[in-house]
Amino acid sequence: MADSPPKLTWRDTEDIAAALQKQYPGADPLSLSFPKLHRMILSLENFGGQPNDSTEGILEEIQMLWHEG
């Protein structure tokens, strides 16, 4: 049985941004509120971080990486 890939955590900001870009190709990350962005990240199939471990700074970093992606 093959090992499943490791789950993303809040520290994996670049990988989260890439996953969001892939899952939501038409979305404008700059138009999203942080609560909406937070929910989108939690819904990613390969995300395993704890919901309460995020910060506004982490969400902002993900948002900008996604925008620049």
N, C-alpha and C. Protein backbone atom coordinates (compact mmCIF):
# COMPACT_ATOMS: atom_id res chain seq x y z
N MET A 1 0.84 -1.19 0.00
CA MET A 1 0.00 0.00 0.00
C MET A 1 0.88 1.25 0.00
N ALA A 2 0.62 2.17 -0.92
CA ALA A 2 1.44 3.38 -1.05
C ALA A 2 1.12 4.37 0.06
N ASP A 3 2.15 5.06 0.51
CA ASP A 3 1.95 6.10 1.51
C ASP A 3 1.26 7.29 0.87
N SER A 4 0.33 7.89 1.59
CA SER A 4 -0.30 9.09 1.07
C SER A 4 0.64 10.27 1.27
N PRO A 5 0.54 11.29 0.41
CA PRO A 5 1.44 12.44 0.56
C PRO A 5 1.16 13.15 1.88
N PRO A 6 2.19 13.80 2.41
CA PRO A 6 1.98 14.52 3.68
C PRO A 6 0.96 15.64 3.52
N LYS A 7 0.20 15.87 4.56
CA LYS A 7 -0.81 16.92 4.54
C LYS A 7 -0.13 18.29 4.69
N LEU A 8 -0.73 19.29 4.05
CA LEU A 8 -0.23 20.65 4.16
C LEU A 8 -0.60 21.22 5.53
N THR A 9 0.25 22.10 6.03
CA THR A 9 -0.04 22.83 7.26
C THR A 9 0.07 24.32 6.94
N TRP A 10 -0.25 25.16 7.91
CA TRP A 10 -0.23 26.61 7.70
C TRP A 10 1.16 27.13 7.32
N ARG A 11 2.21 26.38 7.62
CA ARG A 11 3.57 26.81 7.25
C ARG A 11 3.84 26.64 5.76
N ASP A 12 3.02 25.84 5.08
CA ASP A 12 3.24 25.54 3.66
C ASP A 12 2.54 26.56 2.77
N THR A 13 2.84 27.82 2.97
CA THR A 13 2.08 28.88 2.31
C THR A 13 2.17 28.81 0.78
N GLU A 14 3.34 28.53 0.24
CA GLU A 14 3.49 28.46 -1.22
C GLU A 14 2.70 27.30 -1.80
N ASP A 15 2.74 26.16 -1.13
CA ASP A 15 2.01 24.99 -1.61
C ASP A 15 0.50 25.19 -1.48
N ILE A 16 0.07 25.87 -0.43
CA ILE A 16 -1.36 26.17 -0.27
C ILE A 16 -1.81 27.10 -1.39
N ALA A 17 -1.03 28.13 -1.67
CA ALA A 17 -1.37 29.07 -2.74
C ALA A 17 -1.47 28.34 -4.07
N ALA A 18 -0.55 27.44 -4.35
CA ALA A 18 -0.58 26.68 -5.60
C ALA A 18 -1.81 25.78 -5.66
N ALA A 19 -2.16 25.16 -4.55
CA ALA A 19 -3.34 24.28 -4.51
C ALA A 19 -4.62 25.09 -4.73
N LEU A 20 -4.69 26.28 -4.13
CA LEU A 20 -5.86 27.14 -4.32
C LEU A 20 -5.96 27.58 -5.78
N GLN A 21 -4.84 27.93 -6.36
CA GLN A 21 -4.80 28.36 -7.75
C GLN A 21 -5.31 27.25 -8.67
N LYS A 22 -4.95 26.02 -8.35
CA LYS A 22 -5.37 24.87 -9.15
C LYS A 22 -6.86 24.57 -8.94
N GLN A 23 -7.31 24.64 -7.69
CA GLN A 23 -8.70 24.28 -7.39
C GLN A 23 -9.69 25.39 -7.77
N TYR A 24 -9.26 26.64 -7.72
CA TYR A 24 -10.14 27.77 -8.01
C TYR A 24 -9.50 28.66 -9.08
N PRO A 25 -9.36 28.16 -10.31
CA PRO A 25 -8.60 28.89 -11.33
C PRO A 25 -9.19 30.25 -11.71
N GLY A 26 -10.47 30.46 -11.57
CA GLY A 26 -11.05 31.74 -11.97
C GLY A 26 -11.21 32.73 -10.84
N ALA A 27 -10.83 32.34 -9.64
CA ALA A 27 -11.04 33.19 -8.47
C ALA A 27 -10.02 34.33 -8.42
N ASP A 28 -10.46 35.48 -7.92
CA ASP A 28 -9.57 36.61 -7.68
C ASP A 28 -9.24 36.63 -6.20
N PRO A 29 -8.04 36.19 -5.82
CA PRO A 29 -7.71 36.09 -4.40
C PRO A 29 -7.81 37.42 -3.66
N LEU A 30 -7.58 38.54 -4.35
CA LEU A 30 -7.62 39.83 -3.67
C LEU A 30 -9.05 40.27 -3.33
N SER A 31 -10.03 39.62 -3.94
CA SER A 31 -11.42 39.98 -3.65
C SER A 31 -12.00 39.16 -2.50
N LEU A 32 -11.22 38.21 -1.99
CA LEU A 32 -11.72 37.31 -0.94
C LEU A 32 -11.49 37.90 0.44
N SER A 33 -12.48 37.74 1.30
CA SER A 33 -12.29 38.10 2.71
C SER A 33 -11.42 37.01 3.35
N PHE A 34 -10.77 37.36 4.45
CA PHE A 34 -9.95 36.35 5.14
C PHE A 34 -10.80 35.18 5.65
N PRO A 35 -12.03 35.41 6.17
CA PRO A 35 -12.84 34.25 6.57
C PRO A 35 -13.16 33.31 5.40
N LYS A 36 -13.44 33.88 4.23
CA LYS A 36 -13.72 33.06 3.04
C LYS A 36 -12.46 32.31 2.61
N LEU A 37 -11.32 32.99 2.58
CA LEU A 37 -10.05 32.35 2.23
C LEU A 37 -9.75 31.22 3.21
N HIS A 38 -9.97 31.45 4.48
CA HIS A 38 -9.73 30.45 5.52
C HIS A 38 -10.57 29.20 5.23
N ARG A 39 -11.85 29.39 4.91
CA ARG A 39 -12.73 28.25 4.61
C ARG A 39 -12.26 27.50 3.36
N MET A 40 -11.80 28.23 2.36
CA MET A 40 -11.32 27.60 1.13
C MET A 40 -10.09 26.74 1.41
N ILE A 41 -9.20 27.25 2.24
CA ILE A 41 -7.99 26.49 2.60
C ILE A 41 -8.37 25.22 3.36
N LEU A 42 -9.26 25.36 4.33
CA LEU A 42 -9.67 24.19 5.11
C LEU A 42 -10.34 23.13 4.25
N SER A 43 -10.94 23.55 3.13
CA SER A 43 -11.63 22.59 2.26
C SER A 43 -10.69 21.87 1.29
N LEU A 44 -9.43 22.31 1.20
CA LEU A 44 -8.49 21.64 0.31
C LEU A 44 -8.30 20.19 0.76
N GLU A 45 -8.34 19.28 -0.19
CA GLU A 45 -8.27 17.86 0.11
C GLU A 45 -7.00 17.48 0.87
N ASN A 46 -5.88 18.11 0.52
CA ASN A 46 -4.61 17.73 1.14
C ASN A 46 -4.19 18.66 2.27
N PHE A 47 -5.14 19.42 2.82
CA PHE A 47 -4.81 20.30 3.93
C PHE A 47 -5.11 19.60 5.25
N GLY A 48 -4.13 19.59 6.15
CA GLY A 48 -4.31 18.90 7.43
C GLY A 48 -4.02 19.77 8.63
N GLY A 49 -3.88 21.08 8.42
CA GLY A 49 -3.60 21.98 9.54
C GLY A 49 -4.82 22.18 10.42
N GLN A 50 -4.57 22.66 11.62
CA GLN A 50 -5.65 22.94 12.56
C GLN A 50 -6.26 24.30 12.25
N PRO A 51 -7.58 24.41 12.21
CA PRO A 51 -8.23 25.68 11.86
C PRO A 51 -7.77 26.87 12.71
N ASN A 52 -7.55 26.66 13.98
CA ASN A 52 -7.20 27.77 14.87
C ASN A 52 -5.73 28.16 14.83
N ASP A 53 -4.93 27.45 14.03
CA ASP A 53 -3.50 27.76 13.95
C ASP A 53 -3.18 28.83 12.93
N SER A 54 -4.15 29.29 12.18
CA SER A 54 -3.88 30.33 11.19
C SER A 54 -3.86 31.70 11.85
N THR A 55 -3.22 32.64 11.16
CA THR A 55 -3.20 34.03 11.61
C THR A 55 -3.54 34.91 10.42
N GLU A 56 -3.84 36.15 10.69
CA GLU A 56 -4.10 37.10 9.60
C GLU A 56 -2.87 37.22 8.71
N GLY A 57 -1.69 37.21 9.31
CA GLY A 57 -0.45 37.31 8.54
C GLY A 57 -0.25 36.14 7.60
N ILE A 58 -0.57 34.93 8.05
CA ILE A 58 -0.45 33.75 7.20
C ILE A 58 -1.45 33.83 6.05
N LEU A 59 -2.69 34.21 6.36
CA LEU A 59 -3.70 34.32 5.31
C LEU A 59 -3.31 35.37 4.28
N GLU A 60 -2.77 36.48 4.75
CA GLU A 60 -2.33 37.54 3.83
C GLU A 60 -1.20 37.03 2.93
N GLU A 61 -0.27 36.30 3.52
CA GLU A 61 0.84 35.77 2.73
C GLU A 61 0.33 34.80 1.66
N ILE A 62 -0.59 33.91 2.03
CA ILE A 62 -1.16 32.97 1.07
C ILE A 62 -1.90 33.73 -0.03
N GLN A 63 -2.67 34.72 0.36
CA GLN A 63 -3.43 35.52 -0.60
C GLN A 63 -2.50 36.18 -1.62
N MET A 64 -1.40 36.75 -1.16
CA MET A 64 -0.47 37.43 -2.05
C MET A 64 0.28 36.43 -2.95
N LEU A 65 0.68 35.29 -2.38
CA LEU A 65 1.35 34.28 -3.19
C LEU A 65 0.42 33.76 -4.28
N TRP A 66 -0.83 33.55 -3.93
CA TRP A 66 -1.82 33.10 -4.91
C TRP A 66 -2.00 34.15 -5.99
N HIS A 67 -2.11 35.39 -5.60
CA HIS A 67 -2.29 36.50 -6.56
C HIS A 67 -1.08 36.60 -7.51
N GLU A 68 0.11 36.46 -6.95
CA GLU A 68 1.33 36.59 -7.75
C GLU A 68 1.63 35.35 -8.59
N GLY A 69 1.00 34.21 -8.20
CA GLY A 69 1.25 32.93 -8.83
C GLY A 69 1.07 32.92 -10.30
